[in-house]
Amino acid sequence: MMNLLTEAASSAGAGGGMMLMVVYIAIIGGAMYFFAIRPQKKEQKRLTALLSSMEVGDTVVTTSGFYGVIIDITDEDCIVEFGSNKNCRIPMRKTAIAEVEKANAGIE
């Protein structure tokens, strides 16, 4: 009889422990969403908007840290002119651009 009571008590405790573990997993999943996934999606939207707003003449910084001026744009690529030497023109993917400064931003 005593064994039945201890087994019943332990099985009830296991059910509560299982429920607590499900709550912990939900909390960890929610924290992962707010600390990792959501900011990444937000940054990806910002970068997509930045790349779609690029125009010829804009000053850019590449992901490798080079400064240049856009001289031609296609759907996925652009040609960037680096330095004061007008012969240094390099075609590159739009995704290799980290920052864009508009050409007419200083003129008002």
PDB file of N, CA and C in Angstrom:
ATOM      1  N   MET A   1       0.824  -1.187   0.000  1.00  0.00           N
ATOM      2  CA  MET A   1       0.000   0.000   0.000  1.00  0.00           C
ATOM      3  C   MET A   1       0.875   1.260   0.000  1.00  0.00           C
ATOM      4  N   MET A   2       1.921   1.236   0.800  1.00  0.00           N
ATOM      5  CA  MET A   2       2.807   2.384   0.881  1.00  0.00           C
ATOM      6  C   MET A   2       3.521   2.615  -0.437  1.00  0.00           C
ATOM      7  N   ASN A   3       3.870   1.532  -1.106  1.00  0.00           N
ATOM      8  CA  ASN A   3       4.533   1.658  -2.405  1.00  0.00           C
ATOM      9  C   ASN A   3       3.625   2.318  -3.431  1.00  0.00           C
ATOM     10  N   LEU A   4       2.336   2.016  -3.391  1.00  0.00           N
ATOM     11  CA  LEU A   4       1.389   2.628  -4.316  1.00  0.00           C
ATOM     12  C   LEU A   4       1.304   4.135  -4.103  1.00  0.00           C
ATOM     13  N   LEU A   5       1.317   4.578  -2.839  1.00  0.00           N
ATOM     14  CA  LEU A   5       1.233   6.012  -2.539  1.00  0.00           C
ATOM     15  C   LEU A   5       2.493   6.752  -3.010  1.00  0.00           C
ATOM     16  N   THR A   6       3.640   6.150  -2.801  1.00  0.00           N
ATOM     17  CA  THR A   6       4.875   6.814  -3.225  1.00  0.00           C
ATOM     18  C   THR A   6       4.973   6.866  -4.752  1.00  0.00           C
ATOM     19  N   GLU A   7       4.491   5.803  -5.417  1.00  0.00           N
ATOM     20  CA  GLU A   7       4.492   5.816  -6.876  1.00  0.00           C
ATOM     21  C   GLU A   7       3.532   6.864  -7.409  1.00  0.00           C
ATOM     22  N   ALA A   8       2.376   7.005  -6.783  1.00  0.00           N
ATOM     23  CA  ALA A   8       1.388   8.005  -7.214  1.00  0.00           C
ATOM     24  C   ALA A   8       1.933   9.411  -6.998  1.00  0.00           C
ATOM     25  N   ALA A   9       2.598   9.623  -5.890  1.00  0.00           N
ATOM     26  CA  ALA A   9       3.169  10.944  -5.605  1.00  0.00           C
ATOM     27  C   ALA A   9       4.305  11.271  -6.572  1.00  0.00           C
ATOM     28  N   SER A  10       5.120  10.284  -6.871  1.00  0.00           N
ATOM     29  CA  SER A  10       6.231  10.539  -7.782  1.00  0.00           C
ATOM     30  C   SER A  10       5.744  10.771  -9.209  1.00  0.00           C
ATOM     31  N   SER A  11       4.684  10.087  -9.633  1.00  0.00           N
ATOM     32  CA  SER A  11       4.158  10.297 -10.980  1.00  0.00           C
ATOM     33  C   SER A  11       3.494  11.668 -11.086  1.00  0.00           C
ATOM     34  N   ALA A  12       2.854  12.143 -10.040  1.00  0.00           N
ATOM     35  CA  ALA A  12       2.256  13.479 -10.055  1.00  0.00           C
ATOM     36  C   ALA A  12       3.359  14.532 -10.105  1.00  0.00           C
ATOM     37  N   GLY A  13       4.429  14.294  -9.402  1.00  0.00           N
ATOM     38  CA  GLY A  13       5.563  15.224  -9.432  1.00  0.00           C
ATOM     39  C   GLY A  13       6.230  15.236 -10.794  1.00  0.00           C
ATOM     40  N   ALA A  14       6.297  14.112 -11.456  1.00  0.00           N
ATOM     41  CA  ALA A  14       6.908  14.032 -12.785  1.00  0.00           C
ATOM     42  C   ALA A  14       6.075  14.808 -13.793  1.00  0.00           C
ATOM     43  N   GLY A  15       4.762  14.773 -13.667  1.00  0.00           N
ATOM     44  CA  GLY A  15       3.887  15.538 -14.566  1.00  0.00           C
ATOM     45  C   GLY A  15       4.088  17.033 -14.380  1.00  0.00           C
ATOM     46  N   GLY A  16       4.237  17.446 -13.142  1.00  0.00           N
ATOM     47  CA  GLY A  16       4.491  18.861 -12.856  1.00  0.00           C
ATOM     48  C   GLY A  16       5.859  19.282 -13.340  1.00  0.00           C
ATOM     49  N   GLY A  17       6.832  18.375 -13.197  1.00  0.00           N
ATOM     50  CA  GLY A  17       8.184  18.670 -13.689  1.00  0.00           C
ATOM     51  C   GLY A  17       8.221  18.783 -15.201  1.00  0.00           C
ATOM     52  N   MET A  18       7.423  17.951 -15.864  1.00  0.00           N
ATOM     53  CA  MET A  18       7.347  17.993 -17.325  1.00  0.00           C
ATOM     54  C   MET A  18       6.719  19.315 -17.773  1.00  0.00           C
ATOM     55  N   MET A  19       5.699  19.742 -17.069  1.00  0.00           N
ATOM     56  CA  MET A  19       5.042  21.018 -17.406  1.00  0.00           C
ATOM     57  C   MET A  19       6.006  22.180 -17.193  1.00  0.00           C
ATOM     58  N   LEU A  20       6.776  22.128 -16.123  1.00  0.00           N
ATOM     59  CA  LEU A  20       7.755  23.177 -15.845  1.00  0.00           C
ATOM     60  C   LEU A  20       8.831  23.212 -16.933  1.00  0.00           C
ATOM     61  N   MET A  21       9.235  22.047 -17.420  1.00  0.00           N
ATOM     62  CA  MET A  21      10.236  21.995 -18.479  1.00  0.00           C
ATOM     63  C   MET A  21       9.683  22.597 -19.776  1.00  0.00           C
ATOM     64  N   VAL A  22       8.424  22.372 -20.082  1.00  0.00           N
ATOM     65  CA  VAL A  22       7.798  22.959 -21.269  1.00  0.00           C
ATOM     66  C   VAL A  22       7.768  24.485 -21.142  1.00  0.00           C
ATOM     67  N   VAL A  23       7.475  24.987 -19.946  1.00  0.00           N
ATOM     68  CA  VAL A  23       7.468  26.437 -19.723  1.00  0.00           C
ATOM     69  C   VAL A  23       8.879  27.005 -19.905  1.00  0.00           C
ATOM     70  N   TYR A  24       9.902  26.335 -19.397  1.00  0.00           N
ATOM     71  CA  TYR A  24      11.287  26.795 -19.569  1.00  0.00           C
ATOM     72  C   TYR A  24      11.681  26.831 -21.052  1.00  0.00           C
ATOM     73  N   ILE A  25      11.296  25.816 -21.784  1.00  0.00           N
ATOM     74  CA  ILE A  25      11.615  25.773 -23.218  1.00  0.00           C
ATOM     75  C   ILE A  25      10.918  26.918 -23.947  1.00  0.00           C
ATOM     76  N   ALA A  26       9.671  27.213 -23.572  1.00  0.00           N
ATOM     77  CA  ALA A  26       8.940  28.331 -24.195  1.00  0.00           C
ATOM     78  C   ALA A  26       9.617  29.666 -23.872  1.00  0.00           C
ATOM     79  N   ILE A  27      10.067  29.833 -22.647  1.00  0.00           N
ATOM     80  CA  ILE A  27      10.748  31.066 -22.253  1.00  0.00           C
ATOM     81  C   ILE A  27      12.068  31.217 -23.008  1.00  0.00           C
ATOM     82  N   ILE A  28      12.826  30.140 -23.120  1.00  0.00           N
ATOM     83  CA  ILE A  28      14.097  30.181 -23.842  1.00  0.00           C
ATOM     84  C   ILE A  28      13.858  30.464 -25.323  1.00  0.00           C
ATOM     85  N   GLY A  29      12.835  29.855 -25.900  1.00  0.00           N
ATOM     86  CA  GLY A  29      12.490  30.110 -27.310  1.00  0.00           C
ATOM     87  C   GLY A  29      12.103  31.560 -27.539  1.00  0.00           C
ATOM     88  N   GLY A  30      11.315  32.122 -26.628  1.00  0.00           N
ATOM     89  CA  GLY A  30      10.933  33.533 -26.737  1.00  0.00           C
ATOM     90  C   GLY A  30      12.133  34.457 -26.605  1.00  0.00           C
ATOM     91  N   ALA A  31      13.035  34.139 -25.694  1.00  0.00           N
ATOM     92  CA  ALA A  31      14.240  34.959 -25.528  1.00  0.00           C
ATOM     93  C   ALA A  31      15.117  34.878 -26.770  1.00  0.00           C
ATOM     94  N   MET A  32      15.245  33.687 -27.359  1.00  0.00           N
ATOM     95  CA  MET A  32      16.029  33.543 -28.595  1.00  0.00           C
ATOM     96  C   MET A  32      15.433  34.398 -29.702  1.00  0.00           C
ATOM     97  N   TYR A  33      14.114  34.438 -29.798  1.00  0.00           N
ATOM     98  CA  TYR A  33      13.463  35.239 -30.831  1.00  0.00           C
ATOM     99  C   TYR A  33      13.776  36.716 -30.638  1.00  0.00           C
ATOM    100  N   PHE A  34      13.616  37.223 -29.416  1.00  0.00           N
ATOM    101  CA  PHE A  34      13.795  38.656 -29.181  1.00  0.00           C
ATOM    102  C   PHE A  34      15.254  39.088 -29.166  1.00  0.00           C
ATOM    103  N   PHE A  35      16.176  38.200 -28.838  1.00  0.00           N
ATOM    104  CA  PHE A  35      17.588  38.593 -28.777  1.00  0.00           C
ATOM    105  C   PHE A  35      18.385  38.236 -30.027  1.00  0.00           C
ATOM    106  N   ALA A  36      17.923  37.298 -30.836  1.00  0.00           N
ATOM    107  CA  ALA A  36      18.719  36.872 -31.992  1.00  0.00           C
ATOM    108  C   ALA A  36      17.978  37.026 -33.318  1.00  0.00           C
ATOM    109  N   ILE A  37      16.813  36.471 -33.440  1.00  0.00           N
ATOM    110  CA  ILE A  37      16.124  36.424 -34.729  1.00  0.00           C
ATOM    111  C   ILE A  37      15.528  37.774 -35.106  1.00  0.00           C
ATOM    112  N   ARG A  38      14.834  38.418 -34.210  1.00  0.00           N
ATOM    113  CA  ARG A  38      14.169  39.693 -34.516  1.00  0.00           C
ATOM    114  C   ARG A  38      15.157  40.792 -34.911  1.00  0.00           C
ATOM    115  N   PRO A  39      16.254  41.010 -34.176  1.00  0.00           N
ATOM    116  CA  PRO A  39      17.205  42.040 -34.597  1.00  0.00           C
ATOM    117  C   PRO A  39      17.851  41.731 -35.947  1.00  0.00           C
ATOM    118  N   GLN A  40      18.092  40.456 -36.233  1.00  0.00           N
ATOM    119  CA  GLN A  40      18.688  40.089 -37.521  1.00  0.00           C
ATOM    120  C   GLN A  40      17.735  40.418 -38.667  1.00  0.00           C
ATOM    121  N   LYS A  41      16.463  40.127 -38.510  1.00  0.00           N
ATOM    122  CA  LYS A  41      15.486  40.455 -39.548  1.00  0.00           C
ATOM    123  C   LYS A  41      15.380  41.960 -39.739  1.00  0.00           C
ATOM    124  N   LYS A  42      15.437  42.700 -38.653  1.00  0.00           N
ATOM    125  CA  LYS A  42      15.368  44.157 -38.722  1.00  0.00           C
ATOM    126  C   LYS A  42      16.572  44.721 -39.479  1.00  0.00           C
ATOM    127  N   GLU A  43      17.753  44.214 -39.193  1.00  0.00           N
ATOM    128  CA  GLU A  43      18.970  44.650 -39.879  1.00  0.00           C
ATOM    129  C   GLU A  43      18.931  44.265 -41.351  1.00  0.00           C
ATOM    130  N   GLN A  44      18.390  43.099 -41.658  1.00  0.00           N
ATOM    131  CA  GLN A  44      18.293  42.659 -43.045  1.00  0.00           C
ATOM    132  C   GLN A  44      17.347  43.567 -43.834  1.00  0.00           C
ATOM    133  N   LYS A  45      16.246  43.991 -43.235  1.00  0.00           N
ATOM    134  CA  LYS A  45      15.332  44.922 -43.893  1.00  0.00           C
ATOM    135  C   LYS A  45      16.013  46.264 -44.133  1.00  0.00           C
ATOM    136  N   ARG A  46      16.783  46.747 -43.156  1.00  0.00           N
ATOM    137  CA  ARG A  46      17.482  48.026 -43.301  1.00  0.00           C
ATOM    138  C   ARG A  46      18.494  47.958 -44.433  1.00  0.00           C
ATOM    139  N   LEU A  47      19.241  46.872 -44.505  1.00  0.00           N
ATOM    140  CA  LEU A  47      20.252  46.712 -45.544  1.00  0.00           C
ATOM    141  C   LEU A  47      19.619  46.599 -46.927  1.00  0.00           C
ATOM    142  N   THR A  48      18.506  45.893 -47.023  1.00  0.00           N
ATOM    143  CA  THR A  48      17.799  45.771 -48.301  1.00  0.00           C
ATOM    144  C   THR A  48      17.305  47.131 -48.772  1.00  0.00           C
ATOM    145  N   ALA A  49      16.753  47.927 -47.867  1.00  0.00           N
ATOM    146  CA  ALA A  49      16.289  49.265 -48.223  1.00  0.00           C
ATOM    147  C   ALA A  49      17.459  50.157 -48.640  1.00  0.00           C
ATOM    148  N   LEU A  50      18.575  50.018 -47.954  1.00  0.00           N
ATOM    149  CA  LEU A  50      19.765  50.807 -48.269  1.00  0.00           C
ATOM    150  C   LEU A  50      20.288  50.473 -49.658  1.00  0.00           C
ATOM    151  N   LEU A  51      20.366  49.191 -49.985  1.00  0.00           N
ATOM    152  CA  LEU A  51      20.882  48.771 -51.283  1.00  0.00           C
ATOM    153  C   LEU A  51      19.933  49.135 -52.420  1.00  0.00           C
ATOM    154  N   SER A  52      18.638  49.128 -52.161  1.00  0.00           N
ATOM    155  CA  SER A  52      17.688  49.480 -53.217  1.00  0.00           C
ATOM    156  C   SER A  52      17.651  50.984 -53.474  1.00  0.00           C
ATOM    157  N   SER A  53      18.113  51.777 -52.519  1.00  0.00           N
ATOM    158  CA  SER A  53      18.094  53.230 -52.695  1.00  0.00           C
ATOM    159  C   SER A  53      19.402  53.781 -53.252  1.00  0.00           C
ATOM    160  N   MET A  54      20.351  52.920 -53.601  1.00  0.00           N
ATOM    161  CA  MET A  54      21.636  53.383 -54.141  1.00  0.00           C
ATOM    162  C   MET A  54      21.448  54.000 -55.521  1.00  0.00           C
ATOM    163  N   GLU A  55      22.217  55.050 -55.787  1.00  0.00           N
ATOM    164  CA  GLU A  55      22.180  55.714 -57.082  1.00  0.00           C
ATOM    165  C   GLU A  55      23.597  55.987 -57.539  1.00  0.00           C
ATOM    166  N   VAL A  56      23.748  56.253 -58.830  1.00  0.00           N
ATOM    167  CA  VAL A  56      25.057  56.610 -59.379  1.00  0.00           C
ATOM    168  C   VAL A  56      25.500  57.917 -58.729  1.00  0.00           C
ATOM    169  N   GLY A  57      26.752  57.959 -58.291  1.00  0.00           N
ATOM    170  CA  GLY A  57      27.301  59.145 -57.647  1.00  0.00           C
ATOM    171  C   GLY A  57      27.345  59.067 -56.133  1.00  0.00           C
ATOM    172  N   ASP A  58      26.667  58.074 -55.551  1.00  0.00           N
ATOM    173  CA  ASP A  58      26.681  57.918 -54.098  1.00  0.00           C
ATOM    174  C   ASP A  58      28.053  57.413 -53.637  1.00  0.00           C
ATOM    175  N   THR A  59      28.468  57.878 -52.463  1.00  0.00           N
ATOM    176  CA  THR A  59      29.702  57.395 -51.853  1.00  0.00           C
ATOM    177  C   THR A  59      29.363  56.171 -51.015  1.00  0.00           C
ATOM    178  N   VAL A  60      30.171  55.112 -51.152  1.00  0.00           N
ATOM    179  CA  VAL A  60      29.899  53.864 -50.440  1.00  0.00           C
ATOM    180  C   VAL A  60      31.127  53.410 -49.670  1.00  0.00           C
ATOM    181  N   VAL A  61      30.881  52.584 -48.667  1.00  0.00           N
ATOM    182  CA  VAL A  61      31.932  51.885 -47.942  1.00  0.00           C
ATOM    183  C   VAL A  61      31.643  50.404 -48.130  1.00  0.00           C
ATOM    184  N   THR A  62      32.639  49.653 -48.592  1.00  0.00           N
ATOM    185  CA  THR A  62      32.446  48.225 -48.804  1.00  0.00           C
ATOM    186  C   THR A  62      32.605  47.477 -47.481  1.00  0.00           C
ATOM    187  N   THR A  63      32.245  46.211 -47.491  1.00  0.00           N
ATOM    188  CA  THR A  63      32.373  45.403 -46.279  1.00  0.00           C
ATOM    189  C   THR A  63      33.829  45.200 -45.892  1.00  0.00           C
ATOM    190  N   SER A  64      34.744  45.386 -46.842  1.00  0.00           N
ATOM    191  CA  SER A  64      36.173  45.260 -46.525  1.00  0.00           C
ATOM    192  C   SER A  64      36.787  46.592 -46.102  1.00  0.00           C
ATOM    193  N   GLY A  65      35.989  47.683 -46.106  1.00  0.00           N
ATOM    194  CA  GLY A  65      36.457  48.959 -45.588  1.00  0.00           C
ATOM    195  C   GLY A  65      36.943  49.945 -46.626  1.00  0.00           C
ATOM    196  N   PHE A  66      36.773  49.663 -47.904  1.00  0.00           N
ATOM    197  CA  PHE A  66      37.205  50.588 -48.953  1.00  0.00           C
ATOM    198  C   PHE A  66      36.118  51.622 -49.222  1.00  0.00           C
ATOM    199  N   TYR A  67      36.539  52.881 -49.433  1.00  0.00           N
ATOM    200  CA  TYR A  67      35.633  53.969 -49.780  1.00  0.00           C
ATOM    201  C   TYR A  67      35.664  54.160 -51.286  1.00  0.00           C
ATOM    202  N   GLY A  68      34.507  54.394 -51.882  1.00  0.00           N
ATOM    203  CA  GLY A  68      34.456  54.601 -53.318  1.00  0.00           C
ATOM    204  C   GLY A  68      33.177  55.303 -53.732  1.00  0.00           C
ATOM    205  N   VAL A  69      33.065  55.554 -55.037  1.00  0.00           N
ATOM    206  CA  VAL A  69      31.897  56.224 -55.606  1.00  0.00           C
ATOM    207  C   VAL A  69      31.290  55.296 -56.655  1.00  0.00           C
ATOM    208  N   ILE A  70      29.976  55.156 -56.620  1.00  0.00           N
ATOM    209  CA  ILE A  70      29.290  54.302 -57.583  1.00  0.00           C
ATOM    210  C   ILE A  70      29.246  55.011 -58.929  1.00  0.00           C
ATOM    211  N   ILE A  71      29.672  54.304 -59.990  1.00  0.00           N
ATOM    212  CA  ILE A  71      29.607  54.900 -61.325  1.00  0.00           C
ATOM    213  C   ILE A  71      28.643  54.166 -62.250  1.00  0.00           C
ATOM    214  N   ASP A  72      28.209  52.953 -61.886  1.00  0.00           N
ATOM    215  CA  ASP A  72      27.225  52.220 -62.679  1.00  0.00           C
ATOM    216  C   ASP A  72      26.557  51.176 -61.789  1.00  0.00           C
ATOM    217  N   ILE A  73      25.259  50.938 -62.031  1.00  0.00           N
ATOM    218  CA  ILE A  73      24.500  49.972 -61.226  1.00  0.00           C
ATOM    219  C   ILE A  73      23.698  49.081 -62.155  1.00  0.00           C
ATOM    220  N   THR A  74      23.711  47.777 -61.879  1.00  0.00           N
ATOM    221  CA  THR A  74      22.801  46.825 -62.522  1.00  0.00           C
ATOM    222  C   THR A  74      21.938  46.210 -61.424  1.00  0.00           C
ATOM    223  N   ASP A  75      21.199  45.162 -61.752  1.00  0.00           N
ATOM    224  CA  ASP A  75      20.293  44.559 -60.768  1.00  0.00           C
ATOM    225  C   ASP A  75      21.029  44.013 -59.552  1.00  0.00           C
ATOM    226  N   GLU A  76      22.107  43.247 -59.762  1.00  0.00           N
ATOM    227  CA  GLU A  76      22.809  42.628 -58.646  1.00  0.00           C
ATOM    228  C   GLU A  76      24.211  43.170 -58.432  1.00  0.00           C
ATOM    229  N   ASP A  77      24.759  43.859 -59.416  1.00  0.00           N
ATOM    230  CA  ASP A  77      26.139  44.328 -59.342  1.00  0.00           C
ATOM    231  C   ASP A  77      26.203  45.849 -59.460  1.00  0.00           C
ATOM    232  N   CYS A  78      27.365  46.383 -59.130  1.00  0.00           N
ATOM    233  CA  CYS A  78      27.631  47.795 -59.354  1.00  0.00           C
ATOM    234  C   CYS A  78      29.124  47.963 -59.611  1.00  0.00           C
ATOM    235  N   ILE A  79      29.475  49.053 -60.260  1.00  0.00           N
ATOM    236  CA  ILE A  79      30.878  49.354 -60.508  1.00  0.00           C
ATOM    237  C   ILE A  79      31.239  50.530 -59.621  1.00  0.00           C
ATOM    238  N   VAL A  80      32.285  50.349 -58.822  1.00  0.00           N
ATOM    239  CA  VAL A  80      32.701  51.359 -57.851  1.00  0.00           C
ATOM    240  C   VAL A  80      34.079  51.867 -58.232  1.00  0.00           C
ATOM    241  N   GLU A  81      34.238  53.177 -58.175  1.00  0.00           N
ATOM    242  CA  GLU A  81      35.520  53.824 -58.480  1.00  0.00           C
ATOM    243  C   GLU A  81      36.185  54.184 -57.150  1.00  0.00           C
ATOM    244  N   PHE A  82      37.408  53.713 -56.968  1.00  0.00           N
ATOM    245  CA  PHE A  82      38.110  53.899 -55.704  1.00  0.00           C
ATOM    246  C   PHE A  82      39.228  54.925 -55.845  1.00  0.00           C
ATOM    247  N   GLY A  83      39.403  55.775 -54.825  1.00  0.00           N
ATOM    248  CA  GLY A  83      40.520  56.709 -54.765  1.00  0.00           C
ATOM    249  C   GLY A  83      40.423  57.820 -55.789  1.00  0.00           C
ATOM    250  N   SER A  84      41.465  58.623 -55.866  1.00  0.00           N
ATOM    251  CA  SER A  84      41.488  59.749 -56.800  1.00  0.00           C
ATOM    252  C   SER A  84      41.917  59.306 -58.195  1.00  0.00           C
ATOM    253  N   ASN A  85      42.430  58.077 -58.317  1.00  0.00           N
ATOM    254  CA  ASN A  85      42.818  57.524 -59.607  1.00  0.00           C
ATOM    255  C   ASN A  85      41.556  57.073 -60.332  1.00  0.00           C
ATOM    256  N   LYS A  86      41.210  57.719 -61.426  1.00  0.00           N
ATOM    257  CA  LYS A  86      39.963  57.415 -62.131  1.00  0.00           C
ATOM    258  C   LYS A  86      40.010  56.077 -62.862  1.00  0.00           C
ATOM    259  N   ASN A  87      41.169  55.416 -62.893  1.00  0.00           N
ATOM    260  CA  ASN A  87      41.289  54.131 -63.579  1.00  0.00           C
ATOM    261  C   ASN A  87      41.018  52.950 -62.661  1.00  0.00           C
ATOM    262  N   CYS A  88      40.795  53.184 -61.399  1.00  0.00           N
ATOM    263  CA  CYS A  88      40.577  52.085 -60.444  1.00  0.00           C
ATOM    264  C   CYS A  88      39.072  51.864 -60.287  1.00  0.00           C
ATOM    265  N   ARG A  89      38.494  51.133 -61.228  1.00  0.00           N
ATOM    266  CA  ARG A  89      37.063  50.825 -61.216  1.00  0.00           C
ATOM    267  C   ARG A  89      36.894  49.320 -61.054  1.00  0.00           C
ATOM    268  N   ILE A  90      36.151  48.936 -60.029  1.00  0.00           N
ATOM    269  CA  ILE A  90      36.010  47.519 -59.713  1.00  0.00           C
ATOM    270  C   ILE A  90      34.530  47.147 -59.689  1.00  0.00           C
ATOM    271  N   PRO A  91      34.133  46.136 -60.479  1.00  0.00           N
ATOM    272  CA  PRO A  91      32.757  45.640 -60.373  1.00  0.00           C
ATOM    273  C   PRO A  91      32.624  44.771 -59.126  1.00  0.00           C
ATOM    274  N   MET A  92      31.512  44.917 -58.444  1.00  0.00           N
ATOM    275  CA  MET A  92      31.277  44.127 -57.229  1.00  0.00           C
ATOM    276  C   MET A  92      29.786  43.914 -57.020  1.00  0.00           C
ATOM    277  N   ARG A  93      29.477  42.938 -56.204  1.00  0.00           N
ATOM    278  CA  ARG A  93      28.089  42.668 -55.837  1.00  0.00           C
ATOM    279  C   ARG A  93      27.560  43.788 -54.948  1.00  0.00           C
ATOM    280  N   LYS A  94      26.270  44.044 -55.053  1.00  0.00           N
ATOM    281  CA  LYS A  94      25.661  45.055 -54.181  1.00  0.00           C
ATOM    282  C   LYS A  94      25.746  44.635 -52.713  1.00  0.00           C
ATOM    283  N   THR A  95      25.728  43.332 -52.458  1.00  0.00           N
ATOM    284  CA  THR A  95      25.759  42.854 -51.075  1.00  0.00           C
ATOM    285  C   THR A  95      27.104  43.108 -50.400  1.00  0.00           C
ATOM    286  N   ALA A  96      28.130  43.485 -51.179  1.00  0.00           N
ATOM    287  CA  ALA A  96      29.442  43.784 -50.600  1.00  0.00           C
ATOM    288  C   ALA A  96      29.518  45.214 -50.106  1.00  0.00           C
ATOM    289  N   ILE A  97      28.418  45.955 -50.175  1.00  0.00           N
ATOM    290  CA  ILE A  97      28.402  47.349 -49.733  1.00  0.00           C
ATOM    291  C   ILE A  97      27.777  47.403 -48.344  1.00  0.00           C
ATOM    292  N   ALA A  98      28.490  48.057 -47.422  1.00  0.00           N
ATOM    293  CA  ALA A  98      28.046  48.112 -46.030  1.00  0.00           C
ATOM    294  C   ALA A  98      27.323  49.416 -45.703  1.00  0.00           C
ATOM    295  N   GLU A  99      27.781  50.534 -46.267  1.00  0.00           N
ATOM    296  CA  GLU A  99      27.184  51.846 -45.981  1.00  0.00           C
ATOM    297  C   GLU A  99      27.073  52.651 -47.256  1.00  0.00           C
ATOM    298  N   VAL A 100      26.065  53.515 -47.312  1.00  0.00           N
ATOM    299  CA  VAL A 100      25.865  54.394 -48.466  1.00  0.00           C
ATOM    300  C   VAL A 100      25.662  55.814 -47.954  1.00  0.00           C
ATOM    301  N   GLU A 101      26.381  56.764 -48.544  1.00  0.00           N
ATOM    302  CA  GLU A 101      26.166  58.178 -48.243  1.00  0.00           C
ATOM    303  C   GLU A 101      25.706  58.838 -49.527  1.00  0.00           C
ATOM    304  N   LYS A 102      24.540  59.428 -49.489  1.00  0.00           N
ATOM    305  CA  LYS A 102      23.962  60.019 -50.680  1.00  0.00           C
ATOM    306  C   LYS A 102      24.822  61.173 -51.193  1.00  0.00           C
ATOM    307  N   ALA A 103      24.881  61.311 -52.513  1.00  0.00           N
ATOM    308  CA  ALA A 103      25.705  62.346 -53.144  1.00  0.00           C
ATOM    309  C   ALA A 103      25.149  63.737 -52.858  1.00  0.00           C
ATOM    310  N   ASN A 104      23.834  63.873 -52.781  1.00  0.00           N
ATOM    311  CA  ASN A 104      23.218  65.187 -52.563  1.00  0.00           C
ATOM    312  C   ASN A 104      22.863  65.444 -51.105  1.00  0.00           C
ATOM    313  N   ALA A 105      23.402  64.682 -50.173  1.00  0.00           N
ATOM    314  CA  ALA A 105      23.066  64.840 -48.753  1.00  0.00           C
ATOM    315  C   ALA A 105      23.612  66.142 -48.182  1.00  0.00           C
ATOM    316  N   GLY A 106      24.770  66.606 -48.656  1.00  0.00           N
ATOM    317  CA  GLY A 106      25.367  67.826 -48.128  1.00  0.00           C
ATOM    318  C   GLY A 106      24.865  69.086 -48.807  1.00  0.00           C
ATOM    319  N   ILE A 107      24.134  68.961 -49.912  1.00  0.00           N
ATOM    320  CA  ILE A 107      23.667  70.116 -50.672  1.00  0.00           C
ATOM    321  C   ILE A 107      22.207  70.357 -50.360  1.00  0.00           C
ATOM    322  N   GLU A 108      21.906  71.550 -49.856  1.00  0.00           N
ATOM    323  CA  GLU A 108      20.510  71.897 -49.582  1.00  0.00           C
ATOM    324  C   GLU A 108      20.251  73.337 -49.857  1.00  0.00           C
TER     325      GLU A 108
END
